[in-house]
């Protein structure tokens, strides 16, 4: 009996080989190199987005402080960040929960930044100045700059530091450079 080779039409893949181990390793190496190039750009983009959010949040807090001062002239500027906010639902405006900013912003943490707002009284009475400020929660991961605004309404910025905290008072914020 003689063996007859099957016809070519029935042998799918005859004469083809798979990829060698070296070829697969080269493809994996190329993918890893491309990923290594892309990751720093993604981190920089994330930091830029977090910093933009922090600057915007400080501006919103400053606007809320001005509104609070107009709404509660016997208090002046809000004594703290929590006084500008309120509960997530069913907020009833008062001097302790003014409902002027959302509950996320009033929590003091947003987009990788810690936020603060403090009202100050130069005479011991009504708060006649304030500082609204932010600092990255994880330096060089969520941000690299600190932001603040005082009563004059000018956004100021300063390079942050590891373990940094938001500007605690007007004089500290006044030491920051004006944002361009």
N, C-alpha and C. Protein backbone atom coordinates (compact mmCIF):
# COMPACT_ATOMS: atom_id res chain seq x y z
N UNK A 1 0.82 -1.15 0.00
CA UNK A 1 0.00 0.00 0.00
C UNK A 1 0.88 1.24 0.00
N UNK A 2 0.48 2.11 -0.75
CA UNK A 2 1.25 3.32 -0.93
C UNK A 2 0.57 4.49 -0.24
N UNK A 3 1.37 5.32 0.52
CA UNK A 3 0.82 6.48 1.23
C UNK A 3 0.68 7.63 0.27
N UNK A 4 -0.49 8.22 0.27
CA UNK A 4 -0.75 9.34 -0.61
C UNK A 4 -0.81 10.61 0.23
N UNK A 5 -0.03 11.59 -0.11
CA UNK A 5 -0.02 12.86 0.62
C UNK A 5 -1.32 13.60 0.39
N UNK A 6 -1.83 14.20 1.44
CA UNK A 6 -3.08 14.96 1.28
C UNK A 6 -2.86 16.14 0.35
N UNK A 7 -3.94 16.58 -0.25
CA UNK A 7 -3.83 17.71 -1.18
C UNK A 7 -3.51 18.98 -0.40
N UNK A 8 -2.94 19.92 -1.05
CA UNK A 8 -2.51 21.16 -0.44
C UNK A 8 -3.69 21.95 0.10
N UNK A 9 -4.81 21.85 -0.51
CA UNK A 9 -5.99 22.61 -0.08
C UNK A 9 -6.45 22.18 1.31
N UNK A 10 -6.19 20.96 1.70
CA UNK A 10 -6.63 20.47 2.99
C UNK A 10 -5.64 20.77 4.10
N UNK A 11 -4.42 21.10 3.79
CA UNK A 11 -3.38 21.35 4.80
C UNK A 11 -3.24 22.85 5.01
N UNK A 12 -4.06 23.35 5.87
CA UNK A 12 -3.99 24.78 6.16
C UNK A 12 -2.73 25.03 6.95
N UNK A 13 -1.96 26.02 6.56
CA UNK A 13 -0.76 26.39 7.28
C UNK A 13 0.45 25.57 6.93
N UNK A 14 0.37 24.77 5.93
CA UNK A 14 1.53 23.98 5.54
C UNK A 14 2.60 24.93 5.06
N UNK A 15 3.78 24.72 5.51
CA UNK A 15 4.89 25.56 5.08
C UNK A 15 5.01 26.84 5.89
N UNK A 16 4.10 27.09 6.86
CA UNK A 16 4.22 28.29 7.69
C UNK A 16 4.74 27.90 9.05
N UNK A 17 5.48 28.80 9.64
CA UNK A 17 6.00 28.57 10.97
C UNK A 17 5.42 29.61 11.91
N UNK A 18 5.46 29.33 13.19
CA UNK A 18 5.06 30.31 14.21
C UNK A 18 6.20 31.29 14.46
N UNK A 19 5.97 32.20 15.38
CA UNK A 19 7.03 33.14 15.73
C UNK A 19 8.04 32.46 16.62
N UNK A 20 9.28 32.81 16.43
CA UNK A 20 10.32 32.25 17.30
C UNK A 20 10.32 33.02 18.62
N UNK A 21 10.95 32.45 19.62
CA UNK A 21 11.02 33.08 20.93
C UNK A 21 11.73 34.43 20.85
N UNK A 22 12.75 34.53 20.05
CA UNK A 22 13.49 35.78 19.89
C UNK A 22 12.60 36.87 19.30
N UNK A 23 11.81 36.52 18.30
CA UNK A 23 10.91 37.50 17.70
C UNK A 23 9.87 37.98 18.71
N UNK A 24 9.33 37.09 19.51
CA UNK A 24 8.37 37.49 20.54
C UNK A 24 9.02 38.38 21.59
N UNK A 25 10.23 38.06 22.00
CA UNK A 25 10.94 38.89 22.97
C UNK A 25 11.23 40.28 22.42
N UNK A 26 11.54 40.39 21.16
CA UNK A 26 11.78 41.69 20.55
C UNK A 26 10.51 42.53 20.56
N UNK A 27 9.38 41.92 20.23
CA UNK A 27 8.09 42.64 20.25
C UNK A 27 7.77 43.11 21.67
N UNK A 28 7.95 42.24 22.66
CA UNK A 28 7.69 42.61 24.06
C UNK A 28 8.62 43.74 24.48
N UNK A 29 9.89 43.68 24.10
CA UNK A 29 10.85 44.73 24.44
C UNK A 29 10.43 46.07 23.84
N UNK A 30 9.96 46.06 22.62
CA UNK A 30 9.51 47.30 21.97
C UNK A 30 8.30 47.88 22.70
N UNK A 31 7.37 47.03 23.09
CA UNK A 31 6.19 47.49 23.83
C UNK A 31 6.60 48.10 25.16
N UNK A 32 7.54 47.46 25.86
CA UNK A 32 8.00 47.98 27.14
C UNK A 32 8.71 49.33 26.99
N UNK A 33 9.48 49.48 25.94
CA UNK A 33 10.17 50.76 25.68
C UNK A 33 9.13 51.86 25.42
N UNK A 34 8.12 51.56 24.62
CA UNK A 34 7.07 52.56 24.35
C UNK A 34 6.31 52.92 25.62
N UNK A 35 6.04 51.93 26.47
CA UNK A 35 5.34 52.19 27.74
C UNK A 35 6.21 53.06 28.65
N UNK A 36 7.51 52.77 28.69
CA UNK A 36 8.42 53.56 29.53
C UNK A 36 8.48 55.01 29.07
N UNK A 37 8.33 55.23 27.78
CA UNK A 37 8.32 56.60 27.26
C UNK A 37 7.00 57.30 27.54
N UNK A 38 5.90 56.55 27.57
CA UNK A 38 4.58 57.15 27.74
C UNK A 38 4.23 57.45 29.19
N UNK A 39 4.70 56.64 30.13
CA UNK A 39 4.31 56.81 31.54
C UNK A 39 4.69 58.18 32.10
N UNK A 40 5.91 58.69 31.92
CA UNK A 40 6.21 60.03 32.46
C UNK A 40 5.30 61.12 31.88
N UNK A 41 4.95 60.99 30.61
CA UNK A 41 4.04 61.97 30.02
C UNK A 41 2.66 61.89 30.64
N UNK A 42 2.20 60.69 30.94
CA UNK A 42 0.91 60.54 31.60
C UNK A 42 0.94 61.11 33.01
N UNK A 43 2.02 60.90 33.72
CA UNK A 43 2.14 61.45 35.08
C UNK A 43 2.16 62.97 35.03
N UNK A 44 2.91 63.54 34.10
CA UNK A 44 2.94 65.01 33.96
C UNK A 44 1.56 65.56 33.61
N UNK A 45 0.82 64.86 32.76
CA UNK A 45 -0.53 65.30 32.40
C UNK A 45 -1.46 65.24 33.61
N UNK A 46 -1.32 64.20 34.42
CA UNK A 46 -2.14 64.08 35.63
C UNK A 46 -1.81 65.19 36.62
N UNK A 47 -0.52 65.47 36.80
CA UNK A 47 -0.12 66.55 37.71
C UNK A 47 -0.67 67.88 37.22
N UNK A 48 -0.60 68.14 35.92
CA UNK A 48 -1.13 69.39 35.37
C UNK A 48 -2.63 69.50 35.61
N UNK A 49 -3.35 68.40 35.45
CA UNK A 49 -4.80 68.42 35.68
C UNK A 49 -5.11 68.65 37.16
N UNK A 50 -4.37 67.98 38.06
CA UNK A 50 -4.59 68.18 39.49
C UNK A 50 -4.28 69.61 39.91
N UNK A 51 -3.20 70.19 39.37
CA UNK A 51 -2.84 71.56 39.70
C UNK A 51 -3.89 72.55 39.19
N UNK A 52 -4.40 72.30 38.00
CA UNK A 52 -5.45 73.16 37.45
C UNK A 52 -6.69 73.11 38.33
N UNK A 53 -7.04 71.91 38.78
CA UNK A 53 -8.19 71.75 39.68
C UNK A 53 -7.95 72.47 41.00
N UNK A 54 -6.73 72.38 41.53
CA UNK A 54 -6.42 73.05 42.80
C UNK A 54 -6.51 74.57 42.67
N UNK A 55 -5.99 75.12 41.59
CA UNK A 55 -6.07 76.57 41.39
C UNK A 55 -7.53 77.00 41.25
N UNK A 56 -8.31 76.23 40.51
CA UNK A 56 -9.73 76.53 40.35
C UNK A 56 -10.47 76.42 41.68
N UNK A 57 -10.13 75.42 42.47
CA UNK A 57 -10.77 75.24 43.78
C UNK A 57 -10.47 76.41 44.71
N UNK A 58 -9.22 76.87 44.71
CA UNK A 58 -8.85 78.02 45.54
C UNK A 58 -9.62 79.26 45.09
N UNK A 59 -9.78 79.43 43.79
CA UNK A 59 -10.57 80.57 43.28
C UNK A 59 -12.02 80.48 43.74
N UNK A 60 -12.61 79.28 43.65
CA UNK A 60 -14.00 79.10 44.08
C UNK A 60 -14.15 79.37 45.58
N UNK A 61 -13.18 78.94 46.36
CA UNK A 61 -13.23 79.20 47.80
C UNK A 61 -13.15 80.70 48.07
N UNK A 62 -12.29 81.41 47.35
CA UNK A 62 -12.16 82.86 47.53
C UNK A 62 -13.47 83.57 47.17
N UNK A 63 -14.11 83.16 46.09
CA UNK A 63 -15.40 83.75 45.70
C UNK A 63 -16.44 83.47 46.78
N UNK A 64 -16.43 82.25 47.32
CA UNK A 64 -17.36 81.91 48.40
C UNK A 64 -17.09 82.75 49.65
N UNK A 65 -15.83 83.01 49.94
CA UNK A 65 -15.48 83.86 51.09
C UNK A 65 -16.06 85.26 50.94
N UNK A 66 -15.96 85.82 49.74
CA UNK A 66 -16.51 87.17 49.48
C UNK A 66 -18.02 87.15 49.62
N UNK A 67 -18.66 86.12 49.09
CA UNK A 67 -20.12 85.98 49.22
C UNK A 67 -20.52 85.79 50.68
N UNK A 68 -19.76 85.01 51.41
CA UNK A 68 -20.03 84.77 52.82
C UNK A 68 -19.95 86.09 53.60
N UNK A 69 -18.93 86.88 53.31
CA UNK A 69 -18.76 88.18 53.98
C UNK A 69 -19.97 89.08 53.74
N UNK A 70 -20.51 89.04 52.52
CA UNK A 70 -21.69 89.85 52.20
C UNK A 70 -22.94 89.30 52.87
N UNK A 71 -23.05 87.98 52.97
CA UNK A 71 -24.25 87.35 53.54
C UNK A 71 -24.26 87.39 55.07
N UNK A 72 -23.10 87.36 55.68
CA UNK A 72 -23.00 87.32 57.15
C UNK A 72 -22.04 88.41 57.63
N UNK A 73 -22.44 89.67 57.51
CA UNK A 73 -21.53 90.78 57.86
C UNK A 73 -21.15 90.83 59.34
N UNK A 74 -21.93 90.20 60.20
CA UNK A 74 -21.57 90.20 61.62
C UNK A 74 -20.45 89.20 61.92
N UNK A 75 -20.20 88.28 61.00
CA UNK A 75 -19.10 87.32 61.13
C UNK A 75 -17.90 87.78 60.31
N UNK A 76 -18.17 88.39 59.14
CA UNK A 76 -17.11 88.76 58.21
C UNK A 76 -16.81 87.58 57.31
N UNK A 77 -15.53 87.32 57.06
CA UNK A 77 -15.15 86.16 56.25
C UNK A 77 -15.32 84.89 57.08
N UNK A 78 -15.57 83.77 56.40
CA UNK A 78 -15.81 82.49 57.08
C UNK A 78 -14.61 82.11 57.94
N UNK A 79 -14.86 81.62 59.14
CA UNK A 79 -13.75 81.24 60.01
C UNK A 79 -12.98 80.01 59.53
N UNK A 80 -13.65 79.14 58.75
CA UNK A 80 -12.99 77.93 58.27
C UNK A 80 -13.66 77.43 56.99
N UNK A 81 -13.06 76.44 56.37
CA UNK A 81 -13.57 75.90 55.11
C UNK A 81 -14.93 75.24 55.29
N UNK A 82 -15.12 74.53 56.37
CA UNK A 82 -16.39 73.83 56.61
C UNK A 82 -17.57 74.80 56.68
N UNK A 83 -17.35 76.02 57.16
CA UNK A 83 -18.43 77.00 57.25
C UNK A 83 -18.94 77.44 55.89
N UNK A 84 -18.12 77.30 54.86
CA UNK A 84 -18.54 77.68 53.51
C UNK A 84 -19.38 76.60 52.84
N UNK A 85 -19.28 75.36 53.33
CA UNK A 85 -19.99 74.24 52.72
C UNK A 85 -21.23 73.86 53.49
N UNK A 86 -21.50 72.59 53.47
CA UNK A 86 -22.66 72.04 54.14
C UNK A 86 -22.83 70.59 53.75
N UNK A 87 -23.91 69.97 54.17
CA UNK A 87 -24.12 68.57 53.81
C UNK A 87 -24.36 68.42 52.30
N UNK A 88 -24.14 67.20 51.81
CA UNK A 88 -24.28 66.94 50.37
C UNK A 88 -25.71 67.15 49.89
N UNK A 89 -26.70 66.88 50.74
CA UNK A 89 -28.10 67.10 50.38
C UNK A 89 -28.80 67.83 51.51
N UNK A 90 -29.80 68.59 51.17
CA UNK A 90 -30.61 69.28 52.17
C UNK A 90 -29.88 70.35 52.93
N UNK A 91 -29.05 71.11 52.27
CA UNK A 91 -28.28 72.16 52.94
C UNK A 91 -29.17 73.36 53.25
N UNK A 92 -29.16 73.78 54.50
CA UNK A 92 -29.89 74.97 54.94
C UNK A 92 -28.85 76.04 55.30
N UNK A 93 -28.77 77.13 54.53
CA UNK A 93 -27.74 78.14 54.76
C UNK A 93 -27.80 78.76 56.16
N UNK A 94 -26.62 78.83 56.76
CA UNK A 94 -26.44 79.51 58.04
C UNK A 94 -24.98 79.94 58.11
N UNK A 95 -24.60 80.61 59.17
CA UNK A 95 -23.20 81.05 59.26
C UNK A 95 -22.24 79.88 59.51
N UNK A 96 -22.74 78.73 59.94
CA UNK A 96 -21.88 77.56 60.15
C UNK A 96 -21.88 76.60 58.96
N UNK A 97 -22.92 76.65 58.13
CA UNK A 97 -23.01 75.86 56.89
C UNK A 97 -23.66 76.75 55.84
N UNK A 98 -22.85 77.54 55.18
CA UNK A 98 -23.37 78.55 54.26
C UNK A 98 -23.85 77.99 52.93
N UNK A 99 -23.50 76.75 52.60
CA UNK A 99 -23.93 76.11 51.34
C UNK A 99 -23.42 76.86 50.10
N UNK A 100 -22.26 77.46 50.19
CA UNK A 100 -21.70 78.23 49.07
C UNK A 100 -20.73 77.43 48.22
N UNK A 101 -20.21 76.33 48.76
CA UNK A 101 -19.36 75.43 48.00
C UNK A 101 -19.88 74.01 48.21
N UNK A 102 -19.54 73.10 47.30
CA UNK A 102 -20.04 71.73 47.42
C UNK A 102 -19.34 70.99 48.56
N UNK A 103 -19.92 69.88 48.96
CA UNK A 103 -19.41 69.13 50.11
C UNK A 103 -18.03 68.53 49.84
N UNK A 104 -17.72 68.22 48.59
CA UNK A 104 -16.40 67.68 48.26
C UNK A 104 -15.34 68.73 48.52
N UNK A 105 -15.56 69.93 48.04
CA UNK A 105 -14.62 71.03 48.25
C UNK A 105 -14.52 71.39 49.73
N UNK A 106 -15.64 71.38 50.42
CA UNK A 106 -15.65 71.71 51.85
C UNK A 106 -14.95 70.65 52.69
N UNK A 107 -14.77 69.44 52.15
CA UNK A 107 -14.10 68.38 52.91
C UNK A 107 -12.61 68.67 53.09
N UNK A 108 -12.06 69.51 52.21
CA UNK A 108 -10.65 69.86 52.32
C UNK A 108 -9.71 68.99 51.50
N UNK A 109 -10.26 68.05 50.73
CA UNK A 109 -9.45 67.19 49.86
C UNK A 109 -10.13 67.09 48.50
N UNK A 110 -9.37 67.44 47.45
CA UNK A 110 -9.93 67.33 46.11
C UNK A 110 -8.81 67.20 45.10
N UNK A 111 -8.93 66.24 44.20
CA UNK A 111 -7.98 66.03 43.09
C UNK A 111 -6.54 65.98 43.56
N UNK A 112 -6.28 65.27 44.64
CA UNK A 112 -4.91 65.10 45.11
C UNK A 112 -4.34 66.29 45.85
N UNK A 113 -5.17 67.25 46.19
CA UNK A 113 -4.72 68.44 46.91
C UNK A 113 -5.48 68.57 48.22
N UNK A 114 -4.80 69.07 49.24
CA UNK A 114 -5.45 69.43 50.48
C UNK A 114 -5.75 70.93 50.43
N UNK A 115 -6.94 71.30 50.87
CA UNK A 115 -7.41 72.68 50.78
C UNK A 115 -7.74 73.22 52.17
N UNK A 116 -7.59 74.53 52.31
CA UNK A 116 -7.95 75.16 53.57
C UNK A 116 -8.44 76.58 53.31
N UNK A 117 -9.24 77.07 54.22
CA UNK A 117 -9.68 78.47 54.21
C UNK A 117 -9.80 78.90 55.66
N UNK A 118 -9.28 80.07 55.96
CA UNK A 118 -9.30 80.58 57.33
C UNK A 118 -9.58 82.07 57.30
N UNK A 119 -10.51 82.51 58.15
CA UNK A 119 -10.79 83.93 58.31
C UNK A 119 -10.03 84.47 59.51
N UNK A 120 -9.58 85.72 59.39
CA UNK A 120 -8.80 86.35 60.46
C UNK A 120 -9.39 87.70 60.82
N UNK A 121 -9.24 88.06 62.08
CA UNK A 121 -9.68 89.37 62.57
C UNK A 121 -8.46 90.12 63.10
N UNK A 122 -8.23 91.31 62.58
CA UNK A 122 -7.10 92.10 63.05
C UNK A 122 -7.43 92.82 64.35
N UNK A 123 -8.75 92.97 64.65
CA UNK A 123 -9.16 93.72 65.84
C UNK A 123 -9.80 92.84 66.90
N UNK A 124 -9.92 91.55 66.65
CA UNK A 124 -10.57 90.66 67.60
C UNK A 124 -12.07 90.57 67.41
N UNK A 125 -12.62 91.26 66.42
CA UNK A 125 -14.05 91.22 66.17
C UNK A 125 -14.38 90.44 64.90
N UNK A 126 -14.97 91.14 63.96
CA UNK A 126 -15.37 90.56 62.68
C UNK A 126 -14.12 90.16 61.88
N UNK A 127 -14.19 89.00 61.22
CA UNK A 127 -13.07 88.57 60.36
C UNK A 127 -12.95 89.51 59.18
N UNK A 128 -11.85 90.25 59.09
CA UNK A 128 -11.68 91.24 58.03
C UNK A 128 -10.68 90.80 56.96
N UNK A 129 -10.15 89.58 57.05
CA UNK A 129 -9.27 89.04 56.01
C UNK A 129 -9.39 87.52 56.00
N UNK A 130 -8.92 86.93 54.94
CA UNK A 130 -8.95 85.46 54.82
C UNK A 130 -7.80 84.97 53.97
N UNK A 131 -7.52 83.68 54.06
CA UNK A 131 -6.61 83.00 53.15
C UNK A 131 -7.30 81.71 52.72
N UNK A 132 -7.25 81.45 51.43
CA UNK A 132 -7.71 80.18 50.84
C UNK A 132 -6.48 79.59 50.17
N UNK A 133 -6.13 78.35 50.52
CA UNK A 133 -4.88 77.81 49.99
C UNK A 133 -4.96 76.30 49.76
N UNK A 134 -3.96 75.80 49.03
CA UNK A 134 -3.89 74.38 48.71
C UNK A 134 -2.44 73.93 48.61
N UNK A 135 -2.23 72.64 48.87
CA UNK A 135 -0.91 72.01 48.73
C UNK A 135 -1.14 70.57 48.29
N UNK A 136 -0.23 70.00 47.49
CA UNK A 136 -0.41 68.62 47.04
C UNK A 136 -0.35 67.63 48.19
N UNK A 137 -1.22 66.62 48.14
CA UNK A 137 -1.21 65.57 49.15
C UNK A 137 0.05 64.71 49.03
N UNK A 138 0.44 64.40 47.80
CA UNK A 138 1.64 63.61 47.55
C UNK A 138 2.50 64.38 46.57
N UNK A 139 3.50 65.06 47.11
CA UNK A 139 4.37 65.89 46.28
C UNK A 139 4.99 65.05 45.16
N UNK A 140 5.02 65.61 43.98
CA UNK A 140 5.58 65.01 42.76
C UNK A 140 4.77 63.84 42.24
N UNK A 141 3.59 63.63 42.81
CA UNK A 141 2.68 62.61 42.29
C UNK A 141 1.34 63.24 41.96
N UNK A 142 0.81 64.06 42.88
CA UNK A 142 -0.45 64.76 42.61
C UNK A 142 -0.22 66.23 42.29
N UNK A 143 0.96 66.74 42.53
CA UNK A 143 1.25 68.13 42.21
C UNK A 143 2.62 68.52 42.70
N UNK A 144 3.10 69.68 42.20
CA UNK A 144 4.41 70.20 42.60
C UNK A 144 4.35 71.67 42.99
N UNK A 145 3.13 72.26 43.01
CA UNK A 145 3.01 73.67 43.37
C UNK A 145 1.90 73.87 44.39
N UNK A 146 2.08 74.91 45.23
CA UNK A 146 1.07 75.33 46.19
C UNK A 146 0.38 76.57 45.63
N UNK A 147 -0.91 76.73 45.95
CA UNK A 147 -1.68 77.89 45.49
C UNK A 147 -2.36 78.55 46.67
N UNK A 148 -2.57 79.88 46.57
CA UNK A 148 -3.32 80.56 47.62
C UNK A 148 -3.88 81.88 47.09
N UNK A 149 -4.91 82.37 47.79
CA UNK A 149 -5.52 83.68 47.52
C UNK A 149 -5.84 84.29 48.87
N UNK A 150 -5.60 85.58 49.00
CA UNK A 150 -6.00 86.31 50.20
C UNK A 150 -7.08 87.31 49.81
N UNK A 151 -7.40 88.21 50.71
CA UNK A 151 -8.49 89.16 50.53
C UNK A 151 -8.38 89.98 49.25
N UNK A 152 -7.18 90.22 48.76
CA UNK A 152 -7.02 91.02 47.53
C UNK A 152 -7.45 90.29 46.27
N UNK A 153 -7.69 88.97 46.34
CA UNK A 153 -8.19 88.20 45.21
C UNK A 153 -7.16 87.77 44.18
N UNK A 154 -5.87 87.97 44.45
CA UNK A 154 -4.82 87.60 43.51
C UNK A 154 -4.39 86.15 43.78
N UNK A 155 -4.41 85.33 42.73
CA UNK A 155 -3.94 83.95 42.86
C UNK A 155 -2.42 83.97 42.93
N UNK A 156 -1.89 83.31 43.94
CA UNK A 156 -0.45 83.23 44.13
C UNK A 156 -0.03 81.76 44.08
N UNK A 157 1.22 81.55 43.65
CA UNK A 157 1.74 80.19 43.48
C UNK A 157 3.16 80.12 44.00
N UNK A 158 3.51 78.95 44.51
CA UNK A 158 4.87 78.73 45.00
C UNK A 158 5.23 77.27 44.75
N UNK A 159 6.49 76.97 44.41
CA UNK A 159 6.87 75.57 44.29
C UNK A 159 6.62 74.86 45.62
N UNK A 160 6.03 73.69 45.55
CA UNK A 160 5.72 72.93 46.75
C UNK A 160 6.93 72.16 47.26
N UNK A 161 6.75 71.52 48.39
CA UNK A 161 7.78 70.68 48.97
C UNK A 161 7.13 69.39 49.48
N UNK A 162 7.93 68.36 49.63
CA UNK A 162 7.41 67.12 50.18
C UNK A 162 6.94 67.38 51.61
N UNK A 163 5.74 66.94 51.93
CA UNK A 163 5.19 67.16 53.26
C UNK A 163 4.68 68.56 53.49
N UNK A 164 4.55 69.35 52.42
CA UNK A 164 4.09 70.73 52.55
C UNK A 164 2.63 70.81 52.97
N UNK A 165 2.26 71.94 53.54
CA UNK A 165 0.88 72.19 53.96
C UNK A 165 0.40 73.47 53.29
N UNK A 166 -0.91 73.64 53.15
CA UNK A 166 -1.44 74.88 52.58
C UNK A 166 -1.03 76.08 53.43
N UNK A 167 -0.91 77.24 52.78
CA UNK A 167 -0.54 78.47 53.48
C UNK A 167 -1.52 78.71 54.63
N UNK A 168 -1.03 78.80 55.88
CA UNK A 168 -1.93 78.90 57.02
C UNK A 168 -2.43 80.30 57.33
N UNK A 169 -1.77 81.33 56.76
CA UNK A 169 -2.16 82.70 57.09
C UNK A 169 -1.88 83.64 55.93
N UNK A 170 -2.34 84.86 56.08
CA UNK A 170 -2.23 85.86 55.02
C UNK A 170 -0.78 86.18 54.71
N UNK A 171 0.05 86.36 55.73
CA UNK A 171 1.45 86.75 55.49
C UNK A 171 2.21 85.66 54.74
N UNK A 172 1.95 84.40 55.02
CA UNK A 172 2.60 83.30 54.29
C UNK A 172 2.20 83.34 52.82
N UNK A 173 0.91 83.51 52.57
CA UNK A 173 0.42 83.56 51.19
C UNK A 173 0.99 84.78 50.45
N UNK A 174 1.10 85.88 51.12
CA UNK A 174 1.62 87.10 50.48
C UNK A 174 3.07 86.91 50.04
N UNK A 175 3.78 85.95 50.62
CA UNK A 175 5.14 85.64 50.23
C UNK A 175 5.24 84.84 48.94
N UNK A 176 4.12 84.27 48.47
CA UNK A 176 4.11 83.53 47.21
C UNK A 176 4.13 84.52 46.04
N UNK A 177 4.62 84.07 44.91
CA UNK A 177 4.63 84.90 43.69
C UNK A 177 3.23 84.92 43.07
N UNK A 178 2.86 86.04 42.46
CA UNK A 178 1.59 86.13 41.74
C UNK A 178 1.60 85.21 40.53
N UNK A 179 0.50 84.51 40.32
CA UNK A 179 0.39 83.61 39.16
C UNK A 179 0.22 84.46 37.91
N UNK A 180 0.86 84.06 36.84
CA UNK A 180 0.77 84.82 35.58
C UNK A 180 -0.35 84.32 34.73
